[in-house]
PDB file of N, CA and C in Angstrom:
ATOM      1  N   MET A   1      94.820 137.913  64.618  1.00  0.00           N
ATOM      2  CA  MET A   1      94.397 136.658  65.089  1.00  0.00           C
ATOM      3  C   MET A   1      92.881 136.677  65.382  1.00  0.00           C
ATOM      4  N   LYS A   2      92.213 135.600  65.010  1.00  0.00           N
ATOM      5  CA  LYS A   2      90.755 135.523  65.247  1.00  0.00           C
ATOM      6  C   LYS A   2      90.503 135.418  66.738  1.00  0.00           C
ATOM      7  N   LEU A   3      89.335 135.911  67.150  1.00  0.00           N
ATOM      8  CA  LEU A   3      88.952 135.921  68.541  1.00  0.00           C
ATOM      9  C   LEU A   3      88.842 134.491  69.042  1.00  0.00           C
ATOM     10  N   THR A   4      88.283 133.548  68.251  1.00  0.00           N
ATOM     11  CA  THR A   4      88.146 132.200  68.715  1.00  0.00           C
ATOM     12  C   THR A   4      89.522 131.510  68.933  1.00  0.00           C
ATOM     13  N   THR A   5      90.471 131.820  68.076  1.00  0.00           N
ATOM     14  CA  THR A   5      91.806 131.263  68.220  1.00  0.00           C
ATOM     15  C   THR A   5      92.489 131.859  69.468  1.00  0.00           C
ATOM     16  N   ARG A   6      92.287 133.128  69.667  1.00  0.00           N
ATOM     17  CA  ARG A   6      92.849 133.774  70.850  1.00  0.00           C
ATOM     18  C   ARG A   6      92.261 133.144  72.110  1.00  0.00           C
ATOM     19  N   ILE A   7      90.966 132.931  72.176  1.00  0.00           N
ATOM     20  CA  ILE A   7      90.320 132.314  73.348  1.00  0.00           C
ATOM     21  C   ILE A   7      90.816 130.890  73.539  1.00  0.00           C
ATOM     22  N   GLN A   8      90.923 130.137  72.468  1.00  0.00           N
ATOM     23  CA  GLN A   8      91.450 128.779  72.592  1.00  0.00           C
ATOM     24  C   GLN A   8      92.860 128.701  73.086  1.00  0.00           C
ATOM     25  N   LEU A   9      93.733 129.551  72.561  1.00  0.00           N
ATOM     26  CA  LEU A   9      95.114 129.620  73.058  1.00  0.00           C
ATOM     27  C   LEU A   9      95.208 130.092  74.479  1.00  0.00           C
ATOM     28  N   SER A  10      94.393 131.075  74.826  1.00  0.00           N
ATOM     29  CA  SER A  10      94.377 131.569  76.219  1.00  0.00           C
ATOM     30  C   SER A  10      93.934 130.488  77.185  1.00  0.00           C
ATOM     31  N   THR A  11      92.918 129.718  76.835  1.00  0.00           N
ATOM     32  CA  THR A  11      92.446 128.623  77.630  1.00  0.00           C
ATOM     33  C   THR A  11      93.501 127.548  77.790  1.00  0.00           C
ATOM     34  N   MET A  12      94.144 127.213  76.657  1.00  0.00           N
ATOM     35  CA  MET A  12      95.192 126.223  76.693  1.00  0.00           C
ATOM     36  C   MET A  12      96.365 126.660  77.602  1.00  0.00           C
ATOM     37  N   MET A  13      96.771 127.876  77.512  1.00  0.00           N
ATOM     38  CA  MET A  13      97.884 128.369  78.335  1.00  0.00           C
ATOM     39  C   MET A  13      97.489 128.424  79.797  1.00  0.00           C
ATOM     40  N   PHE A  14      96.217 128.820  80.121  1.00  0.00           N
ATOM     41  CA  PHE A  14      95.808 128.823  81.496  1.00  0.00           C
ATOM     42  C   PHE A  14      95.820 127.366  82.049  1.00  0.00           C
ATOM     43  N   LEU A  15      95.290 126.438  81.315  1.00  0.00           N
ATOM     44  CA  LEU A  15      95.299 125.031  81.789  1.00  0.00           C
ATOM     45  C   LEU A  15      96.757 124.540  81.900  1.00  0.00           C
ATOM     46  N   ASN A  16      97.592 124.928  81.023  1.00  0.00           N
ATOM     47  CA  ASN A  16      99.023 124.525  81.126  1.00  0.00           C
ATOM     48  C   ASN A  16      99.642 125.004  82.406  1.00  0.00           C
ATOM     49  N   PHE A  17      99.493 126.218  82.762  1.00  0.00           N
ATOM     50  CA  PHE A  17     100.092 126.754  83.966  1.00  0.00           C
ATOM     51  C   PHE A  17      99.369 126.363  85.202  1.00  0.00           C
ATOM     52  N   PHE A  18      98.041 126.119  85.104  1.00  0.00           N
ATOM     53  CA  PHE A  18      97.276 125.637  86.251  1.00  0.00           C
ATOM     54  C   PHE A  18      97.737 124.233  86.605  1.00  0.00           C
ATOM     55  N   ILE A  19      97.865 123.330  85.661  1.00  0.00           N
ATOM     56  CA  ILE A  19      98.314 121.991  85.903  1.00  0.00           C
ATOM     57  C   ILE A  19      99.779 121.996  86.374  1.00  0.00           C
ATOM     58  N   TRP A  20     100.591 122.815  85.745  1.00  0.00           N
ATOM     59  CA  TRP A  20     102.005 122.846  86.134  1.00  0.00           C
ATOM     60  C   TRP A  20     102.141 123.331  87.585  1.00  0.00           C
ATOM     61  N   GLY A  21     101.434 124.349  87.972  1.00  0.00           N
ATOM     62  CA  GLY A  21     101.470 124.826  89.319  1.00  0.00           C
ATOM     63  C   GLY A  21     100.955 123.822  90.345  1.00  0.00           C
ATOM     64  N   ALA A  22      99.947 123.022  89.938  1.00  0.00           N
ATOM     65  CA  ALA A  22      99.356 122.051  90.833  1.00  0.00           C
ATOM     66  C   ALA A  22     100.317 120.877  91.147  1.00  0.00           C
ATOM     67  N   TRP A  23     101.071 120.391  90.172  1.00  0.00           N
ATOM     68  CA  TRP A  23     101.926 119.235  90.461  1.00  0.00           C
ATOM     69  C   TRP A  23     103.336 119.646  90.751  1.00  0.00           C
ATOM     70  N   PHE A  24     103.871 120.741  90.268  1.00  0.00           N
ATOM     71  CA  PHE A  24     105.255 121.105  90.480  1.00  0.00           C
ATOM     72  C   PHE A  24     105.572 121.381  91.965  1.00  0.00           C
ATOM     73  N   VAL A  25     104.675 121.944  92.643  1.00  0.00           N
ATOM     74  CA  VAL A  25     104.867 122.306  94.069  1.00  0.00           C
ATOM     75  C   VAL A  25     104.933 121.029  94.913  1.00  0.00           C
ATOM     76  N   THR A  26     104.132 120.022  94.564  1.00  0.00           N
ATOM     77  CA  THR A  26     104.016 118.841  95.434  1.00  0.00           C
ATOM     78  C   THR A  26     104.856 117.660  94.885  1.00  0.00           C
ATOM     79  N   MET A  27     105.585 117.868  93.821  1.00  0.00           N
ATOM     80  CA  MET A  27     106.357 116.722  93.232  1.00  0.00           C
ATOM     81  C   MET A  27     107.413 116.207  94.177  1.00  0.00           C
ATOM     82  N   GLY A  28     108.108 117.035  94.917  1.00  0.00           N
ATOM     83  CA  GLY A  28     109.130 116.576  95.842  1.00  0.00           C
ATOM     84  C   GLY A  28     108.564 115.698  96.921  1.00  0.00           C
ATOM     85  N   THR A  29     107.438 116.108  97.492  1.00  0.00           N
ATOM     86  CA  THR A  29     106.790 115.306  98.511  1.00  0.00           C
ATOM     87  C   THR A  29     106.318 113.974  97.949  1.00  0.00           C
ATOM     88  N   TYR A  30     105.744 113.969  96.736  1.00  0.00           N
ATOM     89  CA  TYR A  30     105.298 112.744  96.129  1.00  0.00           C
ATOM     90  C   TYR A  30     106.461 111.817  95.876  1.00  0.00           C
ATOM     91  N   LEU A  31     107.558 112.338  95.343  1.00  0.00           N
ATOM     92  CA  LEU A  31     108.734 111.507  95.064  1.00  0.00           C
ATOM     93  C   LEU A  31     109.293 110.918  96.359  1.00  0.00           C
ATOM     94  N   GLY A  32     109.389 111.735  97.381  1.00  0.00           N
ATOM     95  CA  GLY A  32     110.016 111.247  98.631  1.00  0.00           C
ATOM     96  C   GLY A  32     109.143 110.236  99.371  1.00  0.00           C
ATOM     97  N   ASN A  33     107.817 110.508  99.412  1.00  0.00           N
ATOM     98  CA  ASN A  33     106.923 109.631 100.201  1.00  0.00           C
ATOM     99  C   ASN A  33     106.475 108.385  99.353  1.00  0.00           C
ATOM    100  N   ASN A  34     106.117 108.571  98.142  1.00  0.00           N
ATOM    101  CA  ASN A  34     105.495 107.464  97.397  1.00  0.00           C
ATOM    102  C   ASN A  34     106.559 106.622  96.651  1.00  0.00           C
ATOM    103  N   LEU A  35     107.531 107.305  96.073  1.00  0.00           N
ATOM    104  CA  LEU A  35     108.535 106.543  95.257  1.00  0.00           C
ATOM    105  C   LEU A  35     109.839 106.321  96.006  1.00  0.00           C
ATOM    106  N   LYS A  36     109.871 106.842  97.262  1.00  0.00           N
ATOM    107  CA  LYS A  36     111.075 106.661  98.118  1.00  0.00           C
ATOM    108  C   LYS A  36     112.341 107.192  97.437  1.00  0.00           C
ATOM    109  N   ALA A  37     112.232 108.309  96.748  1.00  0.00           N
ATOM    110  CA  ALA A  37     113.366 108.894  96.088  1.00  0.00           C
ATOM    111  C   ALA A  37     114.254 109.598  97.079  1.00  0.00           C
ATOM    112  N   SER A  38     115.570 109.631  96.783  1.00  0.00           N
ATOM    113  CA  SER A  38     116.516 110.331  97.648  1.00  0.00           C
ATOM    114  C   SER A  38     116.469 111.844  97.364  1.00  0.00           C
ATOM    115  N   GLY A  39     117.118 112.604  98.136  1.00  0.00           N
ATOM    116  CA  GLY A  39     117.214 114.065  97.911  1.00  0.00           C
ATOM    117  C   GLY A  39     117.898 114.384  96.601  1.00  0.00           C
ATOM    118  N   THR A  40     118.856 113.599  96.244  1.00  0.00           N
ATOM    119  CA  THR A  40     119.545 113.792  94.990  1.00  0.00           C
ATOM    120  C   THR A  40     118.637 113.551  93.807  1.00  0.00           C
ATOM    121  N   GLU A  41     117.868 112.457  93.896  1.00  0.00           N
ATOM    122  CA  GLU A  41     116.953 112.113  92.843  1.00  0.00           C
ATOM    123  C   GLU A  41     115.822 113.177  92.702  1.00  0.00           C
ATOM    124  N   ILE A  42     115.380 113.680  93.805  1.00  0.00           N
ATOM    125  CA  ILE A  42     114.381 114.750  93.719  1.00  0.00           C
ATOM    126  C   ILE A  42     114.981 115.966  93.057  1.00  0.00           C
ATOM    127  N   GLY A  43     116.200 116.276  93.401  1.00  0.00           N
ATOM    128  CA  GLY A  43     116.920 117.393  92.750  1.00  0.00           C
ATOM    129  C   GLY A  43     117.062 117.224  91.278  1.00  0.00           C
ATOM    130  N   ILE A  44     117.376 115.964  90.855  1.00  0.00           N
ATOM    131  CA  ILE A  44     117.490 115.643  89.410  1.00  0.00           C
ATOM    132  C   ILE A  44     116.130 115.878  88.705  1.00  0.00           C
ATOM    133  N   ALA A  45     115.065 115.429  89.376  1.00  0.00           N
ATOM    134  CA  ALA A  45     113.725 115.643  88.771  1.00  0.00           C
ATOM    135  C   ALA A  45     113.409 117.139  88.595  1.00  0.00           C
ATOM    136  N   TYR A  46     113.718 117.931  89.577  1.00  0.00           N
ATOM    137  CA  TYR A  46     113.465 119.373  89.447  1.00  0.00           C
ATOM    138  C   TYR A  46     114.450 120.011  88.484  1.00  0.00           C
ATOM    139  N   GLY A  47     115.691 119.484  88.430  1.00  0.00           N
ATOM    140  CA  GLY A  47     116.686 120.031  87.502  1.00  0.00           C
ATOM    141  C   GLY A  47     116.311 119.840  86.054  1.00  0.00           C
ATOM    142  N   THR A  48     115.718 118.718  85.717  1.00  0.00           N
ATOM    143  CA  THR A  48     115.306 118.519  84.343  1.00  0.00           C
ATOM    144  C   THR A  48     114.255 119.562  83.855  1.00  0.00           C
ATOM    145  N   GLN A  49     113.422 120.015  84.814  1.00  0.00           N
ATOM    146  CA  GLN A  49     112.437 121.048  84.448  1.00  0.00           C
ATOM    147  C   GLN A  49     113.135 122.370  84.088  1.00  0.00           C
ATOM    148  N   SER A  50     114.196 122.656  84.825  1.00  0.00           N
ATOM    149  CA  SER A  50     114.936 123.895  84.586  1.00  0.00           C
ATOM    150  C   SER A  50     115.608 123.868  83.241  1.00  0.00           C
ATOM    151  N   TRP A  51     116.270 122.766  82.954  1.00  0.00           N
ATOM    152  CA  TRP A  51     116.942 122.573  81.654  1.00  0.00           C
ATOM    153  C   TRP A  51     115.968 122.668  80.487  1.00  0.00           C
ATOM    154  N   GLY A  52     114.796 122.049  80.681  1.00  0.00           N
ATOM    155  CA  GLY A  52     113.784 122.088  79.653  1.00  0.00           C
ATOM    156  C   GLY A  52     113.307 123.506  79.389  1.00  0.00           C
ATOM    157  N   ALA A  53     113.115 124.246  80.497  1.00  0.00           N
ATOM    158  CA  ALA A  53     112.647 125.622  80.372  1.00  0.00           C
ATOM    159  C   ALA A  53     113.682 126.543  79.697  1.00  0.00           C
ATOM    160  N   ILE A  54     114.944 126.174  79.812  1.00  0.00           N
ATOM    161  CA  ILE A  54     115.988 126.970  79.196  1.00  0.00           C
ATOM    162  C   ILE A  54     116.172 126.611  77.724  1.00  0.00           C
ATOM    163  N   LEU A  55     116.155 125.323  77.395  1.00  0.00           N
ATOM    164  CA  LEU A  55     116.465 124.918  76.038  1.00  0.00           C
ATOM    165  C   LEU A  55     115.278 124.868  75.114  1.00  0.00           C
ATOM    166  N   ALA A  56     114.097 124.585  75.611  1.00  0.00           N
ATOM    167  CA  ALA A  56     112.937 124.390  74.723  1.00  0.00           C
ATOM    168  C   ALA A  56     112.620 125.610  73.883  1.00  0.00           C
ATOM    169  N   PRO A  57     112.617 126.862  74.386  1.00  0.00           N
ATOM    170  CA  PRO A  57     112.295 127.986  73.529  1.00  0.00           C
ATOM    171  C   PRO A  57     113.205 128.089  72.279  1.00  0.00           C
ATOM    172  N   PHE A  58     114.437 127.750  72.419  1.00  0.00           N
ATOM    173  CA  PHE A  58     115.364 127.837  71.295  1.00  0.00           C
ATOM    174  C   PHE A  58     115.048 126.762  70.240  1.00  0.00           C
ATOM    175  N   ILE A  59     114.847 125.556  70.657  1.00  0.00           N
ATOM    176  CA  ILE A  59     114.579 124.451  69.718  1.00  0.00           C
ATOM    177  C   ILE A  59     113.176 124.569  69.169  1.00  0.00           C
ATOM    178  N   ILE A  60     112.182 124.667  70.005  1.00  0.00           N
ATOM    179  CA  ILE A  60     110.809 124.755  69.531  1.00  0.00           C
ATOM    180  C   ILE A  60     110.558 126.037  68.790  1.00  0.00           C
ATOM    181  N   GLY A  61     111.143 127.120  69.196  1.00  0.00           N
ATOM    182  CA  GLY A  61     110.954 128.388  68.528  1.00  0.00           C
ATOM    183  C   GLY A  61     111.442 128.285  67.077  1.00  0.00           C
ATOM    184  N   LEU A  62     112.587 127.685  66.854  1.00  0.00           N
ATOM    185  CA  LEU A  62     113.104 127.524  65.513  1.00  0.00           C
ATOM    186  C   LEU A  62     112.202 126.662  64.655  1.00  0.00           C
ATOM    187  N   ILE A  63     111.711 125.583  65.249  1.00  0.00           N
ATOM    188  CA  ILE A  63     110.850 124.653  64.475  1.00  0.00           C
ATOM    189  C   ILE A  63     109.506 125.324  64.179  1.00  0.00           C
ATOM    190  N   ALA A  64     108.913 125.915  65.189  1.00  0.00           N
ATOM    191  CA  ALA A  64     107.599 126.539  64.978  1.00  0.00           C
ATOM    192  C   ALA A  64     107.655 127.674  63.995  1.00  0.00           C
ATOM    193  N   ASP A  65     108.675 128.507  64.108  1.00  0.00           N
ATOM    194  CA  ASP A  65     108.733 129.639  63.201  1.00  0.00           C
ATOM    195  C   ASP A  65     108.949 129.277  61.776  1.00  0.00           C
ATOM    196  N   ARG A  66     109.631 128.197  61.512  1.00  0.00           N
ATOM    197  CA  ARG A  66     109.942 127.840  60.170  1.00  0.00           C
ATOM    198  C   ARG A  66     108.964 126.878  59.483  1.00  0.00           C
ATOM    199  N   PHE A  67     108.444 125.947  60.240  1.00  0.00           N
ATOM    200  CA  PHE A  67     107.720 124.814  59.628  1.00  0.00           C
ATOM    201  C   PHE A  67     106.239 124.710  60.015  1.00  0.00           C
ATOM    202  N   PHE A  68     105.834 125.216  61.169  1.00  0.00           N
ATOM    203  CA  PHE A  68     104.450 124.960  61.633  1.00  0.00           C
ATOM    204  C   PHE A  68     103.886 126.252  62.218  1.00  0.00           C
ATOM    205  N   ALA A  69     102.571 126.290  62.289  1.00  0.00           N
ATOM    206  CA  ALA A  69     101.879 127.348  62.994  1.00  0.00           C
ATOM    207  C   ALA A  69     102.081 127.151  64.498  1.00  0.00           C
ATOM    208  N   ALA A  70     102.230 128.182  65.264  1.00  0.00           N
ATOM    209  CA  ALA A  70     102.484 128.113  66.658  1.00  0.00           C
ATOM    210  C   ALA A  70     101.419 127.334  67.440  1.00  0.00           C
ATOM    211  N   GLN A  71     100.165 127.535  67.077  1.00  0.00           N
ATOM    212  CA  GLN A  71      99.071 126.904  67.807  1.00  0.00           C
ATOM    213  C   GLN A  71      99.129 125.385  67.580  1.00  0.00           C
ATOM    214  N   LYS A  72      99.540 124.979  66.383  1.00  0.00           N
ATOM    215  CA  LYS A  72      99.583 123.525  66.092  1.00  0.00           C
ATOM    216  C   LYS A  72     100.692 122.849  66.897  1.00  0.00           C
ATOM    217  N   ILE A  73     101.883 123.440  66.924  1.00  0.00           N
ATOM    218  CA  ILE A  73     102.969 122.817  67.668  1.00  0.00           C
ATOM    219  C   ILE A  73     102.705 122.866  69.177  1.00  0.00           C
ATOM    220  N   LEU A  74     102.101 123.961  69.655  1.00  0.00           N
ATOM    221  CA  LEU A  74     101.728 123.995  71.070  1.00  0.00           C
ATOM    222  C   LEU A  74     100.705 122.907  71.409  1.00  0.00           C
ATOM    223  N   GLY A  75      99.721 122.731  70.537  1.00  0.00           N
ATOM    224  CA  GLY A  75      98.715 121.672  70.802  1.00  0.00           C
ATOM    225  C   GLY A  75      99.371 120.307  70.867  1.00  0.00           C
ATOM    226  N   VAL A  76     100.250 120.016  69.884  1.00  0.00           N
ATOM    227  CA  VAL A  76     100.902 118.688  69.885  1.00  0.00           C
ATOM    228  C   VAL A  76     101.821 118.520  71.119  1.00  0.00           C
ATOM    229  N   LEU A  77     102.550 119.549  71.469  1.00  0.00           N
ATOM    230  CA  LEU A  77     103.410 119.463  72.647  1.00  0.00           C
ATOM    231  C   LEU A  77     102.608 119.301  73.968  1.00  0.00           C
ATOM    232  N   HIS A  78     101.474 119.925  74.032  1.00  0.00           N
ATOM    233  CA  HIS A  78     100.636 119.748  75.193  1.00  0.00           C
ATOM    234  C   HIS A  78     100.067 118.305  75.251  1.00  0.00           C
ATOM    235  N   LEU A  79      99.698 117.721  74.145  1.00  0.00           N
ATOM    236  CA  LEU A  79      99.230 116.359  74.115  1.00  0.00           C
ATOM    237  C   LEU A  79     100.319 115.409  74.528  1.00  0.00           C
ATOM    238  N   ILE A  80     101.548 115.655  74.037  1.00  0.00           N
ATOM    239  CA  ILE A  80     102.689 114.811  74.415  1.00  0.00           C
ATOM    240  C   ILE A  80     102.947 114.955  75.894  1.00  0.00           C
ATOM    241  N   GLY A  81     102.935 116.156  76.381  1.00  0.00           N
ATOM    242  CA  GLY A  81     103.128 116.368  77.827  1.00  0.00           C
ATOM    243  C   GLY A  81     102.054 115.665  78.689  1.00  0.00           C
ATOM    244  N   ALA A  82     100.806 115.744  78.228  1.00  0.00           N
ATOM    245  CA  ALA A  82      99.733 115.069  78.960  1.00  0.00           C
ATOM    246  C   ALA A  82      99.958 113.551  78.983  1.00  0.00           C
ATOM    247  N   ALA A  83     100.405 112.988  77.865  1.00  0.00           N
ATOM    248  CA  ALA A  83     100.661 111.528  77.829  1.00  0.00           C
ATOM    249  C   ALA A  83     101.815 111.183  78.711  1.00  0.00           C
ATOM    250  N   MET A  84     102.877 112.011  78.759  1.00  0.00           N
ATOM    251  CA  MET A  84     103.981 111.738  79.655  1.00  0.00           C
ATOM    252  C   MET A  84     103.607 111.863  81.158  1.00  0.00           C
ATOM    253  N   MET A  85     102.808 112.866  81.455  1.00  0.00           N
ATOM    254  CA  MET A  85     102.317 113.011  82.865  1.00  0.00           C
ATOM    255  C   MET A  85     101.418 111.830  83.259  1.00  0.00           C
ATOM    256  N   TRP A  86     100.600 111.342  82.364  1.00  0.00           N
ATOM    257  CA  TRP A  86      99.756 110.174  82.615  1.00  0.00           C
ATOM    258  C   TRP A  86     100.651 108.953  82.903  1.00  0.00           C
ATOM    259  N   TYR A  87     101.724 108.782  82.106  1.00  0.00           N
ATOM    260  CA  TYR A  87     102.643 107.647  82.248  1.00  0.00           C
ATOM    261  C   TYR A  87     103.336 107.728  83.617  1.00  0.00           C
ATOM    262  N   ILE A  88     103.911 108.895  83.941  1.00  0.00           N
ATOM    263  CA  ILE A  88     104.702 108.960  85.150  1.00  0.00           C
ATOM    264  C   ILE A  88     103.852 108.954  86.403  1.00  0.00           C
ATOM    265  N   SER A  89     102.538 109.190  86.291  1.00  0.00           N
ATOM    266  CA  SER A  89     101.673 109.127  87.460  1.00  0.00           C
ATOM    267  C   SER A  89     101.505 107.689  87.919  1.00  0.00           C
ATOM    268  N   SER A  90     101.767 106.706  87.077  1.00  0.00           N
ATOM    269  CA  SER A  90     101.668 105.306  87.472  1.00  0.00           C
ATOM    270  C   SER A  90     103.048 104.658  87.630  1.00  0.00           C
ATOM    271  N   ALA A  91     104.100 105.458  87.652  1.00  0.00           N
ATOM    272  CA  ALA A  91     105.464 104.899  87.751  1.00  0.00           C
ATOM    273  C   ALA A  91     105.655 104.275  89.144  1.00  0.00           C
ATOM    274  N   PRO A  92     106.129 103.026  89.197  1.00  0.00           N
ATOM    275  CA  PRO A  92     106.290 102.379  90.500  1.00  0.00           C
ATOM    276  C   PRO A  92     107.584 102.760  91.218  1.00  0.00           C
ATOM    277  N   ALA A  93     108.539 103.283  90.488  1.00  0.00           N
ATOM    278  CA  ALA A  93     109.838 103.672  91.107  1.00  0.00           C
ATOM    279  C   ALA A  93     110.374 104.894  90.394  1.00  0.00           C
ATOM    280  N   PHE A  94     111.394 105.551  91.017  1.00  0.00           N
ATOM    281  CA  PHE A  94     111.926 106.729  90.476  1.00  0.00           C
ATOM    282  C   PHE A  94     112.524 106.544  89.081  1.00  0.00           C
ATOM    283  N   GLY A  95     113.072 105.344  88.845  1.00  0.00           N
ATOM    284  CA  GLY A  95     113.694 105.106  87.521  1.00  0.00           C
ATOM    285  C   GLY A  95     112.718 105.269  86.347  1.00  0.00           C
ATOM    286  N   GLN A  96     111.485 104.916  86.559  1.00  0.00           N
ATOM    287  CA  GLN A  96     110.489 105.064  85.515  1.00  0.00           C
ATOM    288  C   GLN A  96     109.932 106.489  85.479  1.00  0.00           C
ATOM    289  N   PHE A  97     110.061 107.210  86.597  1.00  0.00           N
ATOM    290  CA  PHE A  97     109.536 108.585  86.699  1.00  0.00           C
ATOM    291  C   PHE A  97     110.491 109.555  86.014  1.00  0.00           C
ATOM    292  N   SER A  98     111.744 109.372  86.182  1.00  0.00           N
ATOM    293  CA  SER A  98     112.786 110.292  85.757  1.00  0.00           C
ATOM    294  C   SER A  98     113.011 110.337  84.292  1.00  0.00           C
ATOM    295  N   LEU A  99     113.047 111.492  83.668  1.00  0.00           N
ATOM    296  CA  LEU A  99     113.380 111.611  82.271  1.00  0.00           C
ATOM    297  C   LEU A  99     114.808 111.171  82.075  1.00  0.00           C
ATOM    298  N   HIS A 100     115.647 111.358  83.047  1.00  0.00           N
ATOM    299  CA  HIS A 100     117.051 110.924  82.920  1.00  0.00           C
ATOM    300  C   HIS A 100     117.163 109.447  82.568  1.00  0.00           C
ATOM    301  N   SER A 101     116.310 108.667  83.222  1.00  0.00           N
ATOM    302  CA  SER A 101     116.371 107.193  82.926  1.00  0.00           C
ATOM    303  C   SER A 101     115.839 106.859  81.554  1.00  0.00           C
ATOM    304  N   TRP A 102     114.967 107.717  80.992  1.00  0.00           N
ATOM    305  CA  TRP A 102     114.487 107.492  79.637  1.00  0.00           C
ATOM    306  C   TRP A 102     115.599 107.722  78.593  1.00  0.00           C
ATOM    307  N   CYS A 103     116.511 108.627  78.910  1.00  0.00           N
ATOM    308  CA  CYS A 103     117.515 109.003  77.926  1.00  0.00           C
ATOM    309  C   CYS A 103     118.788 108.100  77.983  1.00  0.00           C
ATOM    310  N   THR A 104     118.893 107.273  79.017  1.00  0.00           N
ATOM    311  CA  THR A 104     120.055 106.405  79.094  1.00  0.00           C
ATOM    312  C   THR A 104     119.801 104.980  78.731  1.00  0.00           C
TER     313      THR A 104
END
């Protein structure tokens, strides 16, 4: 792997975990205070993160290994994640915040 690609991927992964750590810890407080979410709804929001962490490596791993370069699929997924985080930051209620409501 080229040094520039390694630096770019390392920077992207650092930013990924930096942002994740910044909002994941405070999400429960934000949901409870700003969106008036119940304890069950806060649990659902945190639960979707766990399911995503379990299932994503299998699905994305198969797609990335067969059809795309890893850095390209990671870049696209990070852009999609950024767009989703931008959208949910302006959600007026838990229904718009929760991924569960997007799927039903």
